[in-house]
Amino acid sequence: QVQLVESGGGLVQSGGSLSLSCAASGRTFRWSAMAWFRQAPGKGREFVSGITGSGGSTSYSDSVKGRFTISRDNAKNTVYLQMNSLKPEDTAVYYCAARPVGYSSVVVTIAEYDVWGQGTQVTVSS
């Protein structure tokens, strides 16, 4: 069974930090780009950050660039998102997603990702 499981969400004050993890299982994810998306209440799901299969290239949305860092450990089949200088507008459910095997480049289109985690809540208080 192909599965992504996120962890690390929680409640933090504005300016604080959180680290999210996404553990993958069920197939070889090193040949897949991985990404983090988020969905705030009443809003659509949006791309936050992505990383290529090798980990050699990363992408960020303008709203998180310079504050968030994505990384991956293919030996552990895990992707991470380090979030610093958090703002109340970062409050959302954060989802990990994987592209199909062989699709190693990062894209921002939701439909291009075939496996999704259940999401983890991040709440930033002002």
Protein backbone atom coordinates (compact mmCIF):
# COMPACT_ATOMS: atom_id res chain seq x y z
CA GLN A 1 0.00 0.00 0.00
CA VAL A 2 1.46 3.34 -1.08
CA GLN A 3 1.28 5.78 1.80
CA LEU A 4 2.49 9.19 2.97
CA VAL A 5 2.26 10.07 6.65
CA GLU A 6 2.89 13.62 7.85
CA SER A 7 3.89 14.60 11.36
CA GLY A 8 5.18 17.60 13.25
CA GLY A 9 2.31 20.04 13.07
CA GLY A 10 1.07 21.98 16.06
CA LEU A 11 0.47 25.36 17.62
CA VAL A 12 3.22 27.98 17.63
CA GLN A 13 3.44 31.71 18.24
CA SER A 14 4.14 34.16 15.45
CA GLY A 15 7.86 34.22 14.72
CA GLY A 16 8.34 30.68 15.90
CA SER A 17 9.44 27.53 14.07
CA LEU A 18 8.07 24.08 13.28
CA SER A 19 9.48 21.12 11.43
CA LEU A 20 7.24 18.81 9.42
CA SER A 21 8.12 15.30 8.30
CA CYS A 22 6.57 13.08 5.64
CA ALA A 23 7.34 9.37 5.79
CA ALA A 24 6.73 7.48 2.55
CA SER A 25 6.17 3.78 2.10
CA GLY A 26 4.90 1.30 -0.44
CA ARG A 27 7.12 2.19 -3.39
CA THR A 28 10.46 3.75 -4.27
CA PHE A 29 10.04 7.50 -3.89
CA ARG A 30 13.58 8.47 -4.90
CA TRP A 31 12.37 8.62 -8.51
CA SER A 32 9.54 10.99 -7.63
CA ALA A 33 9.41 14.70 -6.97
CA MET A 34 7.84 15.46 -3.61
CA ALA A 35 6.03 18.57 -2.49
CA TRP A 36 4.23 20.26 0.35
CA PHE A 37 0.87 21.93 -0.20
CA ARG A 38 -1.35 23.69 2.30
CA GLN A 39 -5.01 24.56 2.64
CA ALA A 40 -6.28 27.31 4.90
CA PRO A 41 -9.91 27.43 6.06
CA GLY A 42 -12.18 28.54 3.25
CA LYS A 43 -9.38 28.56 0.68
CA GLY A 44 -8.10 26.25 -1.99
CA ARG A 45 -5.07 24.01 -1.70
CA GLU A 46 -1.87 25.79 -2.70
CA PHE A 47 1.70 24.78 -3.50
CA VAL A 48 4.22 25.60 -0.78
CA SER A 49 7.45 23.89 -1.73
CA GLY A 50 8.80 21.02 -3.81
CA ILE A 51 11.97 19.02 -4.25
CA THR A 52 13.23 16.89 -7.12
CA GLY A 53 13.78 13.15 -6.78
CA SER A 54 17.51 13.53 -6.26
CA GLY A 55 17.05 16.45 -3.88
CA GLY A 56 19.27 18.60 -6.07
CA SER A 57 16.67 21.24 -6.86
CA THR A 58 13.98 22.91 -4.78
CA SER A 59 11.12 25.32 -5.39
CA TYR A 60 9.18 27.63 -3.10
CA SER A 61 6.12 29.81 -3.33
CA ASP A 62 6.81 33.51 -2.98
CA SER A 63 4.95 33.60 0.31
CA VAL A 64 7.38 31.21 2.05
CA LYS A 65 10.63 31.83 0.18
CA GLY A 66 13.43 32.63 2.60
CA ARG A 67 11.51 31.27 5.58
CA PHE A 68 10.85 27.61 4.72
CA THR A 69 13.36 24.93 3.71
CA ILE A 70 12.49 21.62 2.09
CA SER A 71 14.82 18.62 2.15
CA ARG A 72 14.66 14.87 1.71
CA ASP A 73 16.49 11.76 2.85
CA ASN A 74 15.96 9.08 0.22
CA ALA A 75 17.59 6.44 2.41
CA LYS A 76 14.80 7.04 4.92
CA ASN A 77 12.08 7.72 2.34
CA THR A 78 11.32 10.94 4.20
CA VAL A 79 10.75 14.55 3.17
CA TYR A 80 11.05 17.45 5.59
CA LEU A 81 9.80 21.02 5.74
CA GLN A 82 11.55 23.36 8.16
CA MET A 83 9.38 26.40 8.77
CA ASN A 84 10.91 29.47 10.41
CA SER A 85 9.59 32.98 11.11
CA LEU A 86 6.06 31.67 11.02
CA LYS A 87 3.19 34.08 10.49
CA PRO A 88 -0.52 33.78 11.30
CA GLU A 89 -1.21 33.55 7.56
CA ASP A 90 0.79 30.29 7.49
CA THR A 91 -2.03 28.67 9.47
CA ALA A 92 -3.35 25.76 7.40
CA VAL A 93 -3.46 22.01 7.01
CA TYR A 94 -0.19 20.97 5.39
CA TYR A 95 -0.16 18.04 2.97
CA CYS A 96 2.71 16.02 1.61
CA ALA A 97 2.39 14.78 -1.97
CA ALA A 98 4.36 12.64 -4.40
CA ARG A 99 4.47 12.56 -8.18
CA PRO A 100 4.32 9.21 -9.97
CA VAL A 101 7.46 7.10 -10.30
CA GLY A 102 9.76 8.58 -12.93
CA TYR A 103 8.39 12.11 -12.64
CA SER A 104 11.30 13.73 -10.88
CA SER A 105 10.71 17.40 -11.64
CA VAL A 106 8.74 19.73 -9.38
CA VAL A 107 5.44 21.15 -10.60
CA VAL A 108 2.85 23.22 -8.78
CA THR A 109 -0.23 21.56 -10.26
CA ILE A 110 -2.20 19.48 -7.76
CA ALA A 111 -3.35 16.99 -10.38
CA GLU A 112 0.27 16.04 -11.16
CA TYR A 113 0.65 14.39 -7.74
CA ASP A 114 -0.83 10.92 -7.35
CA VAL A 115 -0.21 10.16 -3.69
CA TRP A 116 -1.23 12.41 -0.78
CA GLY A 117 -0.87 12.30 2.95
CA GLN A 118 -3.71 12.89 5.38
CA GLY A 119 -2.45 16.33 6.36
CA THR A 120 -1.15 17.88 9.55
CA GLN A 121 -2.50 21.06 11.16
CA VAL A 122 -0.23 24.05 11.64
CA THR A 123 -1.63 26.93 13.67
CA VAL A 124 0.28 30.17 14.18
CA SER A 125 -1.06 32.52 16.83
CA SER A 126 -0.50 36.27 16.70
